[in-house]
Protein backbone atom coordinates (compact mmCIF):
# COMPACT_ATOMS: atom_id res chain seq x y z
CA MET A 1 16.29 -22.55 24.05
CA ASN A 2 17.56 -24.37 26.90
CA GLU A 3 20.27 -21.65 27.17
CA HIS A 4 17.83 -19.13 27.86
CA LEU A 5 15.97 -20.89 30.91
CA ARG A 6 17.82 -18.82 33.22
CA GLY A 7 17.30 -15.45 34.93
CA ALA A 8 19.91 -13.54 33.12
CA THR A 9 21.94 -10.41 34.43
CA PRO A 10 22.44 -7.06 32.69
CA VAL A 11 25.90 -7.77 32.39
CA ALA A 12 25.72 -11.25 31.57
CA ALA A 13 22.70 -11.22 29.11
CA GLY A 14 23.95 -13.41 26.49
CA PRO A 15 23.18 -16.88 25.77
CA ALA A 16 24.60 -19.24 28.46
CA ALA A 17 26.59 -22.47 27.79
CA LEU A 18 25.46 -25.42 29.70
CA PRO A 19 28.38 -27.83 31.03
CA ARG A 20 28.72 -30.03 27.49
CA LEU A 21 31.45 -31.32 26.00
CA THR A 22 31.97 -28.03 23.75
CA THR A 23 33.30 -25.05 24.78
CA ALA A 24 31.13 -21.84 25.85
CA PHE A 25 32.89 -20.07 23.14
CA ALA A 26 31.72 -22.58 20.69
CA SER A 27 28.17 -22.29 21.95
CA THR A 28 28.29 -18.29 21.86
CA GLN A 29 29.45 -18.77 17.85
CA ALA A 30 26.48 -21.23 17.24
CA ALA A 31 24.01 -19.25 18.84
CA TRP A 32 25.38 -16.22 16.66
CA ARG A 33 25.29 -18.03 13.25
CA PHE A 34 21.72 -19.26 14.02
CA PHE A 35 20.33 -15.86 14.61
CA ALA A 36 22.33 -14.34 11.83
CA ASN A 37 21.23 -17.39 9.30
CA ASP A 38 18.71 -15.84 6.52
CA ALA A 39 17.29 -19.58 6.16
CA VAL A 40 15.98 -19.02 9.92
CA SER A 41 12.64 -17.37 9.45
CA LEU A 42 10.55 -15.53 12.40
CA PRO A 43 7.11 -17.40 10.89
CA ALA A 44 8.96 -20.79 11.19
CA LEU A 45 10.57 -20.24 14.61
CA ALA A 46 7.06 -18.89 15.86
CA GLY A 47 5.65 -22.70 14.97
CA PRO A 48 6.41 -24.64 18.43
CA LEU A 49 4.90 -21.52 20.05
CA GLN A 50 1.65 -21.85 18.40
CA THR A 51 1.71 -25.42 18.71
CA ALA A 52 2.13 -25.17 22.56
CA GLY A 53 -0.65 -22.73 22.93
CA ARG A 54 -2.76 -25.07 20.85
CA ARG A 55 -2.30 -28.15 22.97
CA ALA A 56 -2.67 -26.03 26.25
CA LEU A 57 -6.07 -24.96 25.08
CA GLU A 58 -7.07 -28.65 24.12
CA ASP A 59 -6.65 -29.13 28.02
CA SER A 60 -8.82 -26.38 29.08
CA PRO A 61 -12.62 -26.65 29.91
CA ALA A 62 -13.22 -23.16 28.84
CA GLU A 63 -15.50 -22.23 26.08
CA TYR A 64 -13.40 -19.39 24.90
CA ALA A 65 -9.65 -18.53 24.72
CA LEU A 66 -8.24 -14.89 25.33
CA PRO A 67 -5.55 -13.51 22.95
CA VAL A 68 -4.22 -10.51 24.88
CA HIS A 69 -3.04 -7.39 22.72
CA ASP A 70 -0.15 -5.02 24.06
CA TRP A 71 2.90 -3.45 23.08
CA SER A 72 6.27 -2.44 25.13
CA ILE A 73 9.38 -0.25 24.60
CA LEU A 74 12.69 -2.19 24.32
CA ASN A 75 15.06 0.81 25.71
CA TYR A 76 18.35 0.60 23.76
CA HIS A 77 19.48 4.13 24.07
CA ARG A 78 22.92 2.99 25.40
CA HIS A 79 23.62 0.93 22.29
CA THR A 80 24.81 3.05 19.63
CA ALA A 81 25.79 0.48 17.21
CA LYS A 82 22.00 0.09 16.68
CA ALA A 83 21.60 2.30 14.14
CA ASP A 84 17.79 1.71 13.40
CA HIS A 85 16.66 2.99 16.73
CA MET A 86 13.37 4.82 17.16
CA ALA A 87 12.68 7.52 19.54
CA PHE A 88 10.01 7.35 22.04
CA GLY A 89 8.69 10.47 23.64
CA LYS A 90 10.51 13.44 24.34
CA GLY A 91 13.01 12.05 26.97
CA SER A 92 16.29 9.62 26.03
CA ALA A 93 14.02 6.64 25.40
CA ARG A 94 15.76 4.96 22.03
CA GLY A 95 14.93 1.72 20.80
CA TYR A 96 12.38 -0.58 19.48
CA GLU A 97 8.69 -1.59 19.79
CA LEU A 98 7.86 -5.04 20.67
CA ALA A 99 4.25 -6.02 20.05
CA SER A 100 2.66 -9.45 21.45
CA ALA A 101 -0.51 -11.31 21.58
CA LEU A 102 -0.56 -13.63 24.13
CA LEU A 103 -2.96 -16.55 24.65
CA VAL A 104 -4.27 -16.75 28.05
CA ASP A 105 -6.60 -19.45 29.25
CA ALA A 106 -10.17 -18.11 29.87
CA ALA A 107 -10.86 -20.58 32.69
CA ASN A 108 -8.18 -19.42 35.21
CA GLY A 109 -6.07 -16.82 33.42
CA ASP A 110 -3.03 -18.98 33.26
CA PRO A 111 -0.53 -17.69 30.39
CA LEU A 112 -0.09 -20.23 27.71
CA ALA A 113 2.18 -18.87 24.84
CA PRO A 114 2.42 -15.99 22.62
CA LEU A 115 0.79 -16.41 19.22
CA GLU A 116 2.34 -13.33 17.71
CA LEU A 117 5.62 -11.28 17.90
CA ARG A 118 6.58 -8.12 16.48
CA LEU A 119 9.67 -5.84 16.62
CA ARG A 120 9.29 -2.41 15.25
CA THR A 121 12.47 -0.21 14.18
CA ALA A 122 12.66 3.08 12.64
CA THR A 123 12.80 1.43 9.03
CA ALA A 124 11.12 -2.27 9.08
CA VAL A 125 8.84 -4.58 11.25
CA TYR A 126 10.34 -7.95 12.24
CA SER A 127 7.20 -10.02 12.42
CA THR A 128 6.06 -14.10 13.14
CA ARG A 129 3.25 -13.27 10.88
CA ALA A 130 3.78 -13.41 7.32
CA PRO A 131 3.85 -11.26 5.39
CA ALA A 132 5.22 -8.82 7.77
CA PRO A 133 3.50 -5.46 8.37
CA GLY A 134 4.78 -2.30 6.93
CA PRO A 135 6.81 0.37 9.43
CA SER A 136 3.61 2.78 9.24
CA GLU A 137 1.09 0.64 10.24
CA GLY A 138 -0.34 1.63 13.43
CA HIS A 139 -1.19 -0.25 16.40
CA TRP A 140 -4.97 -0.29 15.87
CA ASP A 141 -4.43 -1.27 12.29
CA GLY A 142 -2.46 -4.20 13.18
CA VAL A 143 -5.04 -5.90 15.21
CA TRP A 144 -7.10 -7.34 12.77
CA PRO A 145 -4.30 -9.13 10.73
CA THR A 146 -3.31 -10.39 14.07
CA MET A 147 -6.63 -11.76 15.09
CA ARG A 148 -7.03 -13.23 11.67
CA ALA A 149 -3.65 -15.07 11.84
CA ALA A 150 -4.44 -16.12 15.52
CA ALA A 151 -7.57 -18.10 14.49
CA ALA A 152 -5.72 -19.82 11.49
CA ALA A 153 -2.48 -20.73 13.91
CA LEU A 154 -4.82 -22.28 16.50
CA GLY A 155 -6.87 -23.99 14.29
CA LEU A 156 -9.73 -24.76 16.83
CA ALA A 157 -13.50 -24.32 17.08
CA ARG A 158 -13.37 -22.58 20.31
CA PRO A 159 -13.92 -18.52 19.66
CA LEU A 160 -11.39 -16.39 20.42
CA VAL A 161 -11.89 -13.18 22.58
CA HIS A 162 -9.44 -10.49 21.87
CA VAL A 163 -8.30 -8.66 24.89
CA ILE A 164 -7.00 -5.01 23.94
CA ASP A 165 -5.95 -1.89 26.32
CA CYS A 166 -7.07 1.40 25.67
CA GLU A 167 -4.68 3.35 23.22
CA ALA A 168 -7.01 6.00 21.40
CA ASP A 169 -10.98 6.58 21.10
CA SER A 170 -11.25 4.59 17.83
CA VAL A 171 -14.88 3.53 16.57
CA GLY A 172 -13.86 2.23 13.16
CA HIS A 173 -11.75 -0.55 14.20
CA PRO A 174 -14.39 -2.27 16.51
CA ARG A 175 -17.11 -1.53 13.74
CA LEU A 176 -14.39 -3.53 11.53
CA TRP A 177 -13.66 -6.28 14.05
CA HIS A 178 -17.40 -6.82 14.55
CA ARG A 179 -18.33 -6.92 10.86
CA ARG A 180 -15.65 -9.52 10.54
CA ARG A 181 -17.11 -11.55 13.06
CA GLN A 182 -14.40 -11.21 15.84
CA LEU A 183 -15.12 -10.86 19.32
CA PHE A 184 -13.52 -8.27 21.25
CA LEU A 185 -13.17 -6.68 24.70
CA VAL A 186 -11.62 -3.36 24.75
CA ARG A 187 -10.74 -0.80 27.51
CA THR A 188 -11.71 2.48 26.48
CA ASP A 189 -10.66 6.10 28.04
CA GLY A 190 -13.40 8.20 29.59
CA THR A 191 -13.61 10.80 26.66
CA ARG A 192 -15.76 8.15 24.63
CA ALA A 193 -19.45 9.46 23.89
CA VAL A 194 -22.14 6.74 23.58
CA ARG A 195 -25.90 6.59 23.07
CA TRP A 196 -27.39 5.08 26.03
CA ARG A 197 -31.13 4.97 26.92
CA GLY A 198 -31.83 7.20 23.95
CA ARG A 199 -29.41 10.02 24.80
CA GLU A 200 -25.75 10.76 24.27
CA CYS A 201 -23.48 10.74 27.57
CA ARG A 202 -19.86 9.90 28.25
CA LEU A 203 -18.52 7.03 29.87
CA PRO A 204 -18.08 8.72 33.32
CA ALA A 205 -21.32 10.03 33.54
CA LEU A 206 -22.98 6.63 32.39
CA ALA A 207 -21.01 5.12 35.56
CA ALA A 208 -22.04 7.62 37.99
CA ALA A 209 -25.75 7.02 36.74
CA LEU A 210 -25.16 3.11 36.98
CA GLU A 211 -23.74 3.94 40.83
CA ARG A 212 -26.84 5.81 41.90
CA GLU A 213 -29.00 3.07 40.73
CA GLY A 214 -27.25 0.82 42.53
CA ALA A 215 -26.35 -1.44 39.62
CA PHE A 216 -22.68 -2.11 40.95
CA ALA A 217 -22.77 -5.71 42.24
CA ALA A 218 -21.01 -9.16 42.65
CA PRO A 219 -18.11 -7.86 44.83
CA ARG A 220 -15.27 -10.39 44.94
CA PRO A 221 -11.54 -10.18 46.03
CA VAL A 222 -8.80 -9.37 43.51
CA LEU A 223 -5.21 -8.08 43.89
CA TYR A 224 -4.45 -4.54 42.89
CA HIS A 225 -0.50 -3.96 42.48
CA GLY A 226 -0.28 -6.86 44.74
CA ARG A 227 -2.56 -5.78 47.52
CA GLY A 228 -5.68 -6.97 48.65
CA ALA A 229 -8.72 -5.04 46.96
CA THR A 230 -12.47 -5.64 46.01
CA GLN A 231 -13.95 -5.60 42.63
CA THR A 232 -17.48 -4.92 41.48
CA VAL A 233 -19.26 -4.61 38.11
CA ALA A 234 -22.09 -2.93 36.21
CA GLU A 235 -23.52 -3.25 32.90
CA ALA A 236 -25.39 -1.20 30.64
CA GLU A 237 -26.04 -1.51 26.51
CA VAL A 238 -24.86 1.03 24.39
CA VAL A 239 -24.94 2.26 20.72
CA LEU A 240 -21.53 3.77 19.00
CA THR A 241 -23.03 6.05 16.40
CA ARG A 242 -20.57 8.89 15.76
CA PRO A 243 -18.44 8.50 12.87
CA ALA A 244 -14.98 7.30 12.89
CA TYR A 245 -12.10 9.50 11.66
CA ARG A 246 -9.07 8.33 9.65
CA ASN A 247 -5.52 10.47 8.88
CA ARG A 248 -4.71 10.27 5.17
CA GLY A 249 -1.72 12.54 4.14
CA GLY A 250 -1.99 14.93 6.99
CA ARG A 251 -5.60 15.42 6.30
CA ARG A 252 -8.53 14.03 8.65
CA GLU A 253 -11.18 12.50 6.78
CA VAL A 254 -14.36 11.36 8.29
CA VAL A 255 -15.81 7.76 7.96
CA PRO A 256 -19.38 7.16 8.69
CA GLY A 257 -20.70 3.85 9.85
CA ARG A 258 -23.72 1.88 11.08
CA PRO A 259 -24.54 2.16 14.59
CA LEU A 260 -22.69 -0.45 16.65
CA ARG A 261 -24.70 -1.81 19.76
CA LEU A 262 -22.48 -3.03 22.48
CA ARG A 263 -22.35 -4.43 25.95
CA LEU A 264 -20.81 -1.88 28.44
CA VAL A 265 -19.15 -3.54 31.29
CA VAL A 266 -17.79 -0.83 34.26
CA SER A 267 -15.62 -2.38 36.62
CA ARG A 268 -14.55 -0.79 39.81
CA VAL A 269 -11.77 -1.73 42.08
CA ARG A 270 -11.55 -0.38 45.57
CA ASP A 271 -9.31 -0.86 48.85
CA ASP A 272 -10.41 -1.82 52.16
CA HIS A 273 -11.29 1.70 53.03
CA GLY A 274 -13.59 2.05 49.89
CA THR A 275 -11.25 4.15 48.06
CA LEU A 276 -11.42 3.83 44.25
CA LEU A 277 -8.37 2.61 43.03
CA ALA A 278 -9.22 2.01 39.19
CA GLN A 279 -12.36 2.12 37.04
CA TRP A 280 -12.29 0.27 33.58
CA HIS A 281 -14.79 1.26 30.81
CA LEU A 282 -15.30 -2.04 28.86
CA PRO A 283 -17.08 -2.18 25.49
CA THR A 284 -17.54 -5.62 24.24
CA ASN A 285 -19.43 -7.62 21.47
CA LEU A 286 -19.50 -10.73 23.42
CA PRO A 287 -22.86 -12.34 23.83
CA ALA A 288 -25.30 -11.98 26.73
CA GLY A 289 -24.67 -15.41 28.08
CA VAL A 290 -21.22 -14.31 28.99
CA ALA A 291 -21.93 -12.68 32.48
CA ALA A 292 -20.47 -9.52 33.02
CA GLU A 293 -18.48 -10.66 36.15
CA ARG A 294 -16.59 -13.00 33.96
CA VAL A 295 -15.93 -10.29 31.30
CA ALA A 296 -14.64 -7.89 34.06
CA LEU A 297 -12.40 -10.89 35.23
CA TRP A 298 -11.09 -11.50 31.58
CA TYR A 299 -9.99 -7.84 31.18
CA TYR A 300 -8.10 -8.11 34.94
CA TRP A 301 -6.28 -11.17 33.40
CA ARG A 302 -4.99 -8.62 31.15
CA TRP A 303 -1.79 -7.97 33.22
CA ARG A 304 -0.78 -11.36 32.48
CA ILE A 305 0.96 -9.87 29.41
CA GLU A 306 2.61 -7.22 31.61
CA SER A 307 4.15 -10.04 33.50
CA PHE A 308 5.60 -11.71 30.04
CA PHE A 309 7.29 -8.51 29.16
CA LYS A 310 8.26 -8.21 32.67
CA LEU A 311 9.95 -11.88 32.23
CA LEU A 312 11.36 -11.03 28.89
CA LYS A 313 12.78 -7.51 30.49
CA GLY A 314 14.42 -6.87 34.13
CA ALA A 315 12.91 -10.11 35.96
CA GLY A 316 14.24 -12.95 33.31
CA GLN A 317 16.10 -12.41 30.03
CA GLN A 318 17.54 -9.12 30.28
CA VAL A 319 16.33 -8.25 26.64
CA GLU A 320 17.18 -4.67 26.89
CA ALA A 321 20.88 -5.35 27.72
CA TRP A 322 21.28 -7.76 24.69
CA GLN A 323 24.17 -7.07 22.45
CA GLN A 324 23.01 -8.20 18.96
CA GLU A 325 23.55 -5.44 16.31
CA SER A 326 20.64 -6.57 14.21
CA ALA A 327 17.11 -5.81 15.02
CA GLU A 328 16.28 -9.34 12.82
CA ALA A 329 18.75 -11.04 15.03
CA ILE A 330 17.15 -9.75 18.51
CA ALA A 331 13.48 -10.54 16.91
CA LYS A 332 14.87 -14.39 16.42
CA ARG A 333 16.31 -14.45 19.92
CA LEU A 334 13.22 -13.04 21.37
CA VAL A 335 10.96 -16.11 19.77
CA VAL A 336 13.60 -18.61 21.55
CA ALA A 337 13.27 -16.63 24.73
CA SER A 338 9.64 -16.74 24.70
CA MET A 339 9.98 -20.86 24.38
CA ALA A 340 11.53 -20.52 27.63
CA CYS A 341 9.02 -18.47 29.01
CA VAL A 342 6.14 -21.10 27.86
CA VAL A 343 8.50 -24.03 29.60
CA VAL A 344 8.12 -21.96 32.64
CA TRP A 345 4.27 -21.51 32.54
CA GLN A 346 4.30 -25.25 31.72
CA VAL A 347 5.76 -25.93 35.17
CA ALA A 348 3.83 -23.55 36.86
CA ARG A 349 0.25 -25.18 35.36
CA LEU A 350 1.75 -28.82 36.92
CA GLY A 351 -1.09 -30.28 39.04
CA GLY A 352 -1.39 -32.42 41.70
CA ALA A 353 1.29 -33.36 44.36
CA GLU A 354 4.08 -33.96 41.65
CA GLY A 355 3.46 -30.32 40.31
CA GLU A 356 4.14 -28.97 43.80
CA ARG A 357 7.30 -30.97 44.23
CA TRP A 358 8.79 -29.72 41.10
CA ARG A 359 8.00 -26.15 41.73
CA GLU A 360 9.28 -26.60 45.49
CA LEU A 361 12.63 -28.11 44.07
CA LEU A 362 12.99 -25.46 41.49
CA VAL A 363 12.10 -22.43 44.02
CA ARG A 364 15.15 -24.51 46.26
CA LEU A 365 17.59 -24.54 43.48
CA SER A 366 16.73 -21.04 42.47
CA GLY A 367 18.09 -19.57 46.24
CA ARG A 368 15.22 -16.96 46.13
CA GLN A 369 13.12 -15.96 48.97
CA MET A 370 9.38 -15.70 48.47
CA LYS A 371 6.88 -13.46 50.02
CA ARG A 372 4.78 -15.06 52.85
CA GLY A 373 1.63 -17.28 51.06
CA VAL A 374 3.60 -17.02 47.84
CA ALA A 375 4.63 -20.59 46.76
CA PHE A 376 6.62 -19.46 43.69
CA THR A 377 7.35 -16.78 40.77
CA PRO A 378 7.71 -17.44 37.26
CA PRO A 379 11.43 -15.66 37.88
CA ALA A 380 12.08 -18.04 40.62
CA LEU A 381 11.10 -21.25 38.53
CA LEU A 382 13.33 -19.75 35.36
CA ALA A 383 16.04 -19.29 37.80
CA GLY A 384 15.60 -23.07 39.54
CA LEU A 385 15.36 -24.32 35.85
CA TRP A 386 19.08 -22.96 35.00
CA VAL A 387 20.83 -24.71 38.31
CA LEU A 388 18.83 -27.72 37.21
CA LEU A 389 19.76 -28.19 33.41
CA PRO A 390 23.45 -27.98 34.03
CA MET A 391 22.96 -30.58 37.34
CA THR A 392 21.56 -33.28 34.77
CA GLU A 393 24.25 -32.36 31.98
CA VAL A 394 27.10 -32.69 34.38
CA LEU A 395 25.60 -36.18 36.08
CA THR A 396 25.61 -37.34 32.30
CA HIS A 397 29.34 -36.52 31.74
CA TYR A 398 30.73 -37.37 35.09
CA ASP A 399 30.10 -40.15 37.87
CA LEU A 400 28.51 -38.95 41.09
CA GLU A 401 31.32 -40.54 43.14
CA GLU A 402 34.03 -38.66 41.15
CA ILE A 403 31.99 -35.29 41.55
CA GLN A 404 31.91 -36.02 45.41
CA ARG A 405 35.46 -36.92 45.49
CA LEU A 406 36.57 -33.46 43.68
CA ALA A 407 33.87 -31.56 45.58
CA SER A 408 35.67 -33.15 49.03
CA ALA A 409 39.27 -31.88 47.79
CA VAL A 410 38.35 -28.27 47.80
CA LEU A 411 35.05 -28.07 50.11
CA PRO A 412 35.85 -30.21 53.35
CA SER A 413 32.34 -29.84 54.60
CA HIS A 414 31.17 -32.15 51.48
CA ALA A 415 33.97 -34.48 52.43
CA ARG A 416 32.35 -37.86 53.31
CA PRO A 417 32.76 -39.31 56.97
CA ASN A 418 35.47 -42.36 57.00
CA SER A 419 33.51 -45.13 56.76
CA GLY A 420 36.13 -47.13 58.93
């Protein structure tokens, strides 16, 4: 895991060796044997991630916890040795699909740990959940098993609220989750029709009616794509009455279901000029005691999983440049790289003057420049940790005076002034 505590580059995306007595080649060989070892299972590897999430939740004052579900493409279109590629869309994108359920603190939006990772190929799915799903399982179909596994992994009395982004206008899945006593918060698209105040209407029309009634309130400042904006929310009670549809063998089956009464939270984000930047329709079965403003904030924190994917890809681990030919080896390495991300998040959460000092040191070691008003970023902390780890390893094997003497031989600026 320590060898993944660094900001990698596409041309050097392999595990990096710390300056120990063993050679870099020996370290690389050890990593290859580890990821190729059939005795190293993905569920066992994920144990420390789940433990880290459970311990972090114990320190949170929130009544709820937020597993955020999302999917991301790992593009390996230039890696011809990977024979189990999947094709994505009509372009050249080919690779694997990474799915994750990231645990987020409901008190402040801090990412804590991924509870589950799944890597889908053209022929199989490699998952930290046992048993692994089949390759034909759809995104929505996989949510319920992940919900069940997350509750078992955490083993806490605190209820989980599963935050899921829009992918399809599904009715059957929310009915299933509600029937099995799972709390959810889903962003749905604008095509959904619901029953509101005794009549059928689509969500954009409902939101427009709420605006005419002056229902949007509780403005608060937020960031939208890094820029300041204002969020307002409104709420309505809606009922899902239409049947669900299920495709089986190329045929579309109608699946009737009981009416499902939900809260609909509508969140709007506007810029300083009042221009509408985003509008989210958020059906949820959360109890009325959770204010609509907090529901909207919990969905707003969904972007933490996007930052997690970014840290795995271009801003940290460079996963799309990994050279492992086996998808199973990539899945195992993803779990190890996720542990490095958890360490970065733990450093980011350190409180008090000591925590600020830690982050200041790591940013200085990273050599990264921060934007005005930004004290640190996770990629900067990751890069700083990689400088710190070799420093501590070197000081374990070399005397400080010897290091200074060697440095002064090639770097005159490091020569000590003559004490005489």
